[in-house]
Amino acid sequence: MSKRKLFLKDIVVNTVAFGVYMLAHHIIMLPYLAKILPVEVNSQLLLYLMLASIFTASFGNEFGVLYQVRMGRNPSETAFSDVYRLLHCSNLLLIVIFVPMLLILHFSVVESLALTLVTLLWNIRMFYHSVLRHRKQFKSIFVSNLGYLLGIAAAIVLLAKGVDIYWLPLLFGEFISTFITIFKDKDFLKKIKARSSEYKDIRREGLDLVGAAVLGNIPGYGDKILVLPLLGSFNMSSYYAGNSLSKGLMLLVNPVNGVLLSWLSTDAGDDKRRLTRRMLRANLIIVIALALISYPLIYLATYLLYRQFLEIVLSIIIPLAISAAFATGTTVLKVIFLRYYKISAIKYINLLKIIFFTGLAPLGAYWGGLLGFTVAIAVSNGIIWLIYFFSMLKSD
């Protein structure tokens, strides 16, 4: 089979695998919980999910990306063990942070312990899935995500029968999915090796990557967190509902990004200049097209999944569409940037993103309520896309 056909096959399998996860988490579980939970409890759950997403995307996922990047630049048999040590440290940090943080946010002791366990499993799964992508074991990710779907479905059946534990779907889904993943690669069950001579370099690069990811994910997920203290529980749930299209776009973009990075990390012969030029042209077209088609797609997604918030979503639908287009375009550009440019530079770009986000969002909320807040987020996403685009264009 030709290289192009293999690439397309991997994209299809990875897209289906990610689609199973999206179906379980964003189409089945969250809309169901939004319907049965009081608005205040639902907004509290969403707050936890955003905080957990920031941590797992910044640590578990990025350490997996680090493994892929290191194997692309300097393949080594000890790379997995070295990066796994970093994951272990992040798991300890997770426990130290999340238990007291959730208690401070008025979760009960049982809820705090259970949700910390969920986040721990989530962090591990994100790392393992990145390693599986590098090794092109996309079918294993598909099976793991089927386990997640099975866990969600089983827990929802229990909720429908009267079990009053709203976090049960998350716990069942993560436990089954992570358990399946651990047995999908022999390295996951081996005892890790001693630190290699490259460990310090890997740790330094890992900290750079995590630092950049934290700075990027805070505004990436933080808009859904900040809307709660600024505009209240109902507006938070409405804003999250309106962003359901972004999750749909990620169904297309994340699998492509995962396969793209996997192939780039295992092919040292790629022409940087030619590939960057093609990606920039394609990205510009993608952003414009998404900005145009997102309006009807946001309406449809909200109508089908979160109809109770439709009226509010319609009032902010235009900036939501523009914001989704820029955010999606940026995620694609970042993959090329990771492969061919300095990882540490992403940290400074994301620092600018936080400055724009924290400066514009409160002002937008103050002057224009939820609409002003959404416009501010769209402007912030647009500026970051422009920075990535012109930085790569200039370097090319």
Protein backbone atom coordinates (compact mmCIF):
# COMPACT_ATOMS: atom_id res chain seq x y z
CA MET A 1 0.00 0.00 0.00
CA SER A 2 1.36 3.45 -0.94
CA LYS A 3 2.38 5.98 1.71
CA ARG A 4 -0.53 8.27 0.81
CA LYS A 5 -3.08 5.45 1.11
CA LEU A 6 -1.65 4.40 4.47
CA PHE A 7 -1.85 8.01 5.65
CA LEU A 8 -5.49 8.30 4.59
CA LYS A 9 -6.32 4.92 6.14
CA ASP A 10 -4.81 6.03 9.45
CA ILE A 11 -6.83 9.25 9.34
CA VAL A 12 -10.06 7.32 8.76
CA VAL A 13 -9.40 4.84 11.60
CA ASN A 14 -8.30 7.58 14.00
CA THR A 15 -11.32 9.71 13.07
CA VAL A 16 -13.70 6.83 13.75
CA ALA A 17 -11.94 6.15 17.07
CA PHE A 18 -12.19 9.79 18.11
CA GLY A 19 -15.79 9.86 16.90
CA VAL A 20 -16.66 7.06 19.32
CA TYR A 21 -15.23 9.13 22.18
CA MET A 22 -17.10 12.24 21.01
CA LEU A 23 -20.32 10.24 20.78
CA ALA A 24 -19.93 8.94 24.32
CA HIS A 25 -18.74 12.11 26.03
CA HIS A 26 -20.23 15.06 24.12
CA ILE A 27 -23.31 13.65 22.40
CA ILE A 28 -24.59 11.13 24.96
CA MET A 29 -23.24 11.90 28.44
CA LEU A 30 -23.07 15.71 28.70
CA PRO A 31 -26.45 16.49 27.05
CA TYR A 32 -28.08 13.79 29.20
CA LEU A 33 -26.59 15.20 32.40
CA ALA A 34 -27.56 18.75 31.37
CA LYS A 35 -31.19 17.61 31.16
CA ILE A 36 -31.38 15.75 34.47
CA LEU A 37 -29.17 17.94 36.69
CA PRO A 38 -30.09 21.32 38.19
CA VAL A 39 -28.36 24.19 36.36
CA GLU A 40 -26.11 24.90 39.36
CA VAL A 41 -24.93 21.27 39.64
CA ASN A 42 -24.42 21.04 35.88
CA SER A 43 -22.34 24.23 35.85
CA GLN A 44 -20.25 22.85 38.73
CA LEU A 45 -19.65 19.64 36.76
CA LEU A 46 -18.66 21.67 33.70
CA LEU A 47 -16.26 23.68 35.86
CA TYR A 48 -14.57 20.45 36.98
CA LEU A 49 -14.41 19.17 33.40
CA MET A 50 -12.71 22.36 32.21
CA LEU A 51 -10.13 22.22 35.03
CA ALA A 52 -9.48 18.52 34.39
CA SER A 53 -9.20 19.16 30.65
CA ILE A 54 -6.59 21.86 31.24
CA PHE A 55 -4.48 19.52 33.37
CA THR A 56 -4.75 16.37 31.24
CA ALA A 57 -4.27 18.25 27.96
CA SER A 58 -1.24 20.05 29.41
CA PHE A 59 0.44 17.03 31.03
CA GLY A 60 -0.75 13.60 29.88
CA ASN A 61 -1.38 14.60 26.28
CA GLU A 62 1.70 16.83 25.95
CA PHE A 63 4.03 14.19 27.39
CA GLY A 64 2.64 11.88 24.72
CA VAL A 65 3.36 14.57 22.12
CA LEU A 66 6.86 14.95 23.59
CA TYR A 67 7.44 11.23 23.08
CA GLN A 68 6.38 11.52 19.44
CA VAL A 69 8.57 14.58 18.85
CA ARG A 70 11.61 12.99 20.54
CA MET A 71 11.20 9.79 18.54
CA GLY A 72 11.04 11.91 15.39
CA ARG A 73 14.14 13.95 16.17
CA ASN A 74 16.29 11.47 18.10
CA PRO A 75 14.84 7.92 18.23
CA SER A 76 15.85 6.05 21.37
CA GLU A 77 14.83 2.86 23.19
CA THR A 78 14.89 4.76 26.49
CA ALA A 79 12.63 7.61 25.37
CA PHE A 80 9.46 5.90 26.61
CA SER A 81 10.85 5.27 30.11
CA ASP A 82 12.21 8.81 30.40
CA VAL A 83 8.93 10.40 29.36
CA TYR A 84 6.94 7.96 31.50
CA ARG A 85 8.84 9.23 34.56
CA LEU A 86 7.56 12.70 33.77
CA LEU A 87 4.01 11.32 33.52
CA HIS A 88 4.40 9.69 36.94
CA CYS A 89 5.49 13.01 38.46
CA SER A 90 2.49 14.73 36.88
CA ASN A 91 0.16 12.12 38.41
CA LEU A 92 1.51 12.90 41.89
CA LEU A 93 1.10 16.61 41.21
CA LEU A 94 -2.46 15.97 40.04
CA ILE A 95 -3.43 14.36 43.36
CA VAL A 96 -1.83 17.16 45.37
CA ILE A 97 -3.70 19.81 43.37
CA PHE A 98 -7.11 18.32 42.69
CA VAL A 99 -8.23 16.98 46.07
CA PRO A 100 -7.91 20.30 47.94
CA MET A 101 -9.00 22.33 44.90
CA LEU A 102 -12.26 20.41 44.51
CA LEU A 103 -12.95 20.69 48.23
CA ILE A 104 -12.44 24.46 48.00
CA LEU A 105 -14.91 24.53 45.08
CA HIS A 106 -17.53 22.96 47.40
CA PHE A 107 -17.44 19.41 46.07
CA SER A 108 -18.05 16.85 48.81
CA VAL A 109 -15.20 14.66 50.10
CA VAL A 110 -16.49 11.64 48.17
CA GLU A 111 -16.97 13.71 44.99
CA SER A 112 -13.48 15.21 45.33
CA LEU A 113 -11.80 11.81 45.72
CA ALA A 114 -13.83 10.21 42.91
CA LEU A 115 -13.25 13.06 40.46
CA THR A 116 -9.53 13.12 41.30
CA LEU A 117 -9.39 9.41 40.43
CA VAL A 118 -11.24 10.14 37.18
CA THR A 119 -8.70 12.85 36.31
CA LEU A 120 -5.80 10.51 37.13
CA LEU A 121 -7.13 7.82 34.77
CA TRP A 122 -7.84 10.50 32.16
CA ASN A 123 -4.25 11.79 32.35
CA ILE A 124 -2.79 8.29 31.93
CA ARG A 125 -5.11 7.48 29.03
CA MET A 126 -4.18 10.67 27.17
CA PHE A 127 -0.49 9.77 27.37
CA TYR A 128 -0.95 6.16 26.30
CA HIS A 129 -3.12 7.17 23.35
CA SER A 130 -0.41 9.53 22.09
CA VAL A 131 2.14 6.72 22.27
CA LEU A 132 -0.23 4.41 20.40
CA ARG A 133 -0.65 7.07 17.69
CA HIS A 134 3.11 7.28 17.24
CA ARG A 135 3.21 3.52 16.81
CA LYS A 136 0.25 3.78 14.44
CA GLN A 137 -1.91 1.49 16.58
CA PHE A 138 -5.06 3.43 15.79
CA LYS A 139 -7.26 0.34 16.04
CA SER A 140 -6.18 -0.03 19.67
CA ILE A 141 -7.39 3.52 20.35
CA PHE A 142 -10.69 2.62 18.70
CA VAL A 143 -11.14 -0.39 21.00
CA SER A 144 -10.21 1.71 24.03
CA ASN A 145 -12.79 4.35 23.10
CA LEU A 146 -15.41 1.64 22.64
CA GLY A 147 -14.69 0.74 26.25
CA TYR A 148 -15.28 4.37 27.18
CA LEU A 149 -18.61 4.32 25.37
CA LEU A 150 -19.58 1.08 27.12
CA GLY A 151 -18.76 2.56 30.52
CA ILE A 152 -20.78 5.71 29.81
CA ALA A 153 -23.76 3.68 28.60
CA ALA A 154 -23.71 1.36 31.62
CA ALA A 155 -23.56 4.28 34.05
CA ILE A 156 -26.40 6.14 32.32
CA VAL A 157 -28.57 3.03 32.64
CA LEU A 158 -27.89 3.09 36.38
CA LEU A 159 -28.71 6.81 36.55
CA ALA A 160 -31.97 6.19 34.69
CA LYS A 161 -32.84 3.51 37.25
CA GLY A 162 -32.48 5.99 40.10
CA VAL A 163 -28.81 5.87 41.13
CA ASP A 164 -28.03 9.43 42.22
CA ILE A 165 -24.29 9.65 41.41
CA TYR A 166 -23.79 12.12 38.55
CA TRP A 167 -20.04 11.42 38.19
CA LEU A 168 -20.56 7.68 37.67
CA PRO A 169 -20.43 7.87 33.82
CA LEU A 170 -17.05 9.59 33.98
CA LEU A 171 -15.63 7.03 36.39
CA PHE A 172 -16.94 3.99 34.49
CA GLY A 173 -15.83 5.38 31.12
CA GLU A 174 -12.30 6.29 32.18
CA PHE A 175 -11.73 3.10 34.17
CA ILE A 176 -12.75 0.73 31.37
CA SER A 177 -10.98 2.74 28.66
CA THR A 178 -7.70 3.06 30.57
CA PHE A 179 -7.77 -0.60 31.62
CA ILE A 180 -8.14 -1.67 27.98
CA THR A 181 -5.40 0.73 26.83
CA ILE A 182 -2.82 -0.60 29.30
CA PHE A 183 -3.02 -4.06 27.70
CA LYS A 184 -2.75 -2.79 24.12
CA ASP A 185 1.04 -2.39 24.08
CA LYS A 186 3.66 -4.54 25.81
CA ASP A 187 5.71 -1.50 26.87
CA PHE A 188 2.85 -0.30 29.06
CA LEU A 189 3.22 -3.34 31.32
CA LYS A 190 7.03 -3.38 31.52
CA LYS A 191 9.02 -2.05 34.42
CA ILE A 192 10.46 1.31 33.42
CA LYS A 193 14.21 1.52 32.82
CA ALA A 194 16.70 3.67 34.71
CA ARG A 195 17.11 7.26 33.66
CA SER A 196 19.10 7.64 30.47
CA SER A 197 21.78 10.22 29.75
CA GLU A 198 19.16 12.18 27.80
CA TYR A 199 16.69 12.41 30.69
CA LYS A 200 17.62 15.96 31.69
CA ASP A 201 17.22 17.18 28.12
CA ILE A 202 13.87 15.38 27.83
CA ARG A 203 12.73 16.83 31.17
CA ARG A 204 13.72 20.34 30.10
CA GLU A 205 11.93 19.99 26.77
CA GLY A 206 8.94 18.44 28.54
CA LEU A 207 8.70 21.37 30.95
CA ASP A 208 8.86 23.77 28.01
CA LEU A 209 6.07 21.87 26.29
CA VAL A 210 3.93 21.67 29.44
CA GLY A 211 4.50 25.35 30.18
CA ALA A 212 3.40 26.26 26.67
CA ALA A 213 0.41 23.92 26.90
CA VAL A 214 -0.74 25.32 30.25
CA LEU A 215 -0.52 28.86 28.89
CA GLY A 216 -2.47 27.77 25.80
CA ASN A 217 -5.07 25.63 27.53
CA ILE A 218 -5.96 28.17 30.21
CA PRO A 219 -7.59 30.52 27.68
CA GLY A 220 -8.60 27.55 25.53
CA TYR A 221 -10.75 26.10 28.29
CA GLY A 222 -10.74 29.10 30.59
CA ASP A 223 -13.43 30.98 28.69
CA LYS A 224 -15.91 28.35 29.85
CA ILE A 225 -14.59 28.74 33.41
CA LEU A 226 -14.48 32.54 33.47
CA VAL A 227 -18.05 32.90 32.21
CA LEU A 228 -19.31 31.37 35.49
CA PRO A 229 -18.12 34.08 37.92
CA LEU A 230 -18.68 36.84 35.36
CA LEU A 231 -22.14 35.91 34.06
CA GLY A 232 -23.58 33.09 36.19
CA SER A 233 -24.53 29.41 35.94
CA PHE A 234 -27.17 29.68 33.21
CA ASN A 235 -24.92 31.72 30.90
CA MET A 236 -22.09 29.25 31.52
CA SER A 237 -24.28 26.31 30.48
CA SER A 238 -25.56 28.28 27.47
CA TYR A 239 -22.05 29.24 26.36
CA TYR A 240 -20.89 25.63 26.68
CA ALA A 241 -23.88 24.50 24.65
CA GLY A 242 -23.05 27.01 21.91
CA ASN A 243 -19.53 25.64 21.75
CA SER A 244 -20.83 22.17 20.91
CA LEU A 245 -19.85 22.83 17.27
CA SER A 246 -16.22 23.23 18.33
CA LYS A 247 -16.36 19.70 19.69
CA GLY A 248 -17.74 18.54 16.35
CA LEU A 249 -14.92 20.29 14.50
CA MET A 250 -12.44 18.55 16.78
CA LEU A 251 -13.93 15.26 15.55
CA LEU A 252 -12.35 16.12 12.21
CA VAL A 253 -9.28 18.07 13.29
CA ASN A 254 -7.90 16.09 16.26
CA PRO A 255 -7.62 12.75 14.42
CA VAL A 256 -5.97 14.45 11.44
CA ASN A 257 -3.56 16.25 13.76
CA GLY A 258 -2.74 13.02 15.59
CA VAL A 259 -1.98 11.13 12.39
CA LEU A 260 -0.11 14.10 10.90
CA LEU A 261 2.19 14.38 13.91
CA SER A 262 2.65 10.61 13.94
CA TRP A 263 3.79 10.62 10.32
CA LEU A 264 5.96 13.72 10.70
CA SER A 265 7.64 12.21 13.77
CA THR A 266 8.63 9.08 11.83
CA ASP A 267 9.72 10.71 8.57
CA ALA A 268 12.91 12.75 8.67
CA GLY A 269 12.83 13.40 4.94
CA ASP A 270 9.95 15.86 4.79
CA ASP A 271 10.59 19.14 2.99
CA LYS A 272 9.92 21.77 5.67
CA ARG A 273 9.59 24.70 3.27
CA ARG A 274 7.26 22.96 0.83
CA LEU A 275 5.05 21.43 3.53
CA THR A 276 4.76 24.68 5.49
CA ARG A 277 3.79 26.63 2.38
CA ARG A 278 1.09 24.11 1.48
CA MET A 279 -0.27 24.00 5.02
CA LEU A 280 -0.52 27.79 5.26
CA ARG A 281 -2.47 28.02 2.01
CA ALA A 282 -4.79 25.20 3.04
CA ASN A 283 -5.23 26.65 6.51
CA LEU A 284 -6.34 30.03 5.20
CA ILE A 285 -9.01 28.35 3.07
CA ILE A 286 -10.11 26.18 6.01
CA VAL A 287 -10.55 29.17 8.34
CA ILE A 288 -12.62 31.12 5.80
CA ALA A 289 -14.77 28.09 4.97
CA LEU A 290 -15.39 27.24 8.62
CA ALA A 291 -16.36 30.81 9.44
CA LEU A 292 -19.02 30.63 6.71
CA ILE A 293 -20.49 27.21 7.46
CA SER A 294 -20.29 27.30 11.26
CA TYR A 295 -23.43 29.43 11.68
CA PRO A 296 -25.92 26.76 10.51
CA LEU A 297 -23.87 24.00 12.14
CA ILE A 298 -23.92 25.72 15.54
CA TYR A 299 -27.68 26.16 15.24
CA LEU A 300 -28.16 22.50 14.33
CA ALA A 301 -25.87 21.17 17.07
CA THR A 302 -27.53 23.30 19.75
CA TYR A 303 -31.03 22.42 18.54
CA LEU A 304 -30.29 18.70 18.67
CA LEU A 305 -28.27 18.52 21.90
CA TYR A 306 -29.05 21.56 24.06
CA ARG A 307 -32.41 22.87 22.90
CA GLN A 308 -33.14 24.47 26.28
CA PHE A 309 -30.33 26.97 25.64
CA LEU A 310 -31.10 27.68 21.96
CA GLU A 311 -32.47 31.21 22.42
CA ILE A 312 -29.35 32.39 24.24
CA VAL A 313 -27.02 30.67 21.78
CA LEU A 314 -28.69 32.41 18.82
CA SER A 315 -27.78 35.78 20.33
CA ILE A 316 -24.04 34.93 20.24
CA ILE A 317 -23.89 32.63 17.22
CA ILE A 318 -21.87 34.90 14.87
CA PRO A 319 -18.85 35.43 17.18
CA LEU A 320 -19.08 31.75 18.15
CA ALA A 321 -18.73 30.76 14.48
CA ILE A 322 -15.75 33.07 13.93
CA SER A 323 -14.09 31.92 17.15
CA ALA A 324 -14.50 28.24 16.23
CA ALA A 325 -12.92 28.83 12.81
CA PHE A 326 -9.82 30.55 14.21
CA ALA A 327 -9.40 28.04 17.05
CA THR A 328 -9.61 25.11 14.63
CA GLY A 329 -7.15 26.68 12.21
CA THR A 330 -4.67 27.31 15.01
CA THR A 331 -4.65 23.68 16.16
CA VAL A 332 -3.57 22.54 12.70
CA LEU A 333 -0.82 25.16 12.43
CA LYS A 334 0.50 24.17 15.85
CA VAL A 335 1.19 20.60 14.70
CA ILE A 336 3.56 21.82 11.95
CA PHE A 337 5.07 24.32 14.38
CA LEU A 338 5.81 21.52 16.87
CA ARG A 339 7.68 19.49 14.27
CA TYR A 340 9.78 22.16 12.59
CA TYR A 341 10.12 25.12 14.96
CA LYS A 342 11.30 25.68 18.55
CA ILE A 343 8.88 24.23 21.10
CA SER A 344 9.83 26.97 23.58
CA ALA A 345 8.44 29.62 21.20
CA ILE A 346 4.91 28.24 21.70
CA LYS A 347 5.17 29.20 25.36
CA TYR A 348 5.52 32.88 24.49
CA ILE A 349 2.73 32.76 21.93
CA ASN A 350 0.43 31.23 24.52
CA LEU A 351 1.50 33.81 27.10
CA LEU A 352 0.28 36.46 24.68
CA LYS A 353 -2.95 34.48 24.35
CA ILE A 354 -3.50 34.64 28.11
CA ILE A 355 -2.83 38.38 28.14
CA PHE A 356 -5.38 38.97 25.38
CA PHE A 357 -7.87 36.56 26.95
CA THR A 358 -7.73 37.90 30.51
CA GLY A 359 -7.71 41.48 29.30
CA LEU A 360 -10.50 41.33 26.73
CA ALA A 361 -12.95 38.79 28.22
CA PRO A 362 -13.84 40.69 31.43
CA LEU A 363 -14.16 43.94 29.48
CA GLY A 364 -16.41 42.27 26.93
CA ALA A 365 -18.58 40.77 29.68
CA TYR A 366 -18.81 44.12 31.47
CA TRP A 367 -19.81 46.14 28.42
CA GLY A 368 -21.80 43.57 26.45
CA GLY A 369 -22.77 40.66 28.70
CA LEU A 370 -22.51 37.21 27.13
CA LEU A 371 -22.35 38.69 23.60
CA GLY A 372 -19.47 40.98 24.53
CA PHE A 373 -17.69 38.11 26.24
CA THR A 374 -18.04 35.90 23.15
CA VAL A 375 -16.79 38.67 20.83
CA ALA A 376 -13.73 39.12 23.07
CA ILE A 377 -12.93 35.40 22.85
CA ALA A 378 -13.27 35.48 19.05
CA VAL A 379 -10.89 38.45 18.81
CA SER A 380 -8.37 36.69 21.08
CA ASN A 381 -8.49 33.49 18.98
CA GLY A 382 -8.11 35.51 15.79
CA ILE A 383 -5.00 37.31 17.04
CA ILE A 384 -3.32 34.04 18.03
CA TRP A 385 -4.08 32.50 14.63
CA LEU A 386 -2.50 35.53 12.94
CA ILE A 387 0.62 35.22 15.11
CA TYR A 388 1.10 31.54 14.17
CA PHE A 389 0.33 32.17 10.51
CA PHE A 390 2.69 35.10 9.98
CA SER A 391 5.46 33.61 12.15
CA MET A 392 5.54 30.52 9.94
CA LEU A 393 5.13 32.58 6.77
CA LYS A 394 8.09 34.77 7.71
CA SER A 395 10.27 31.79 8.67
CA ASP A 396 9.39 30.06 5.41
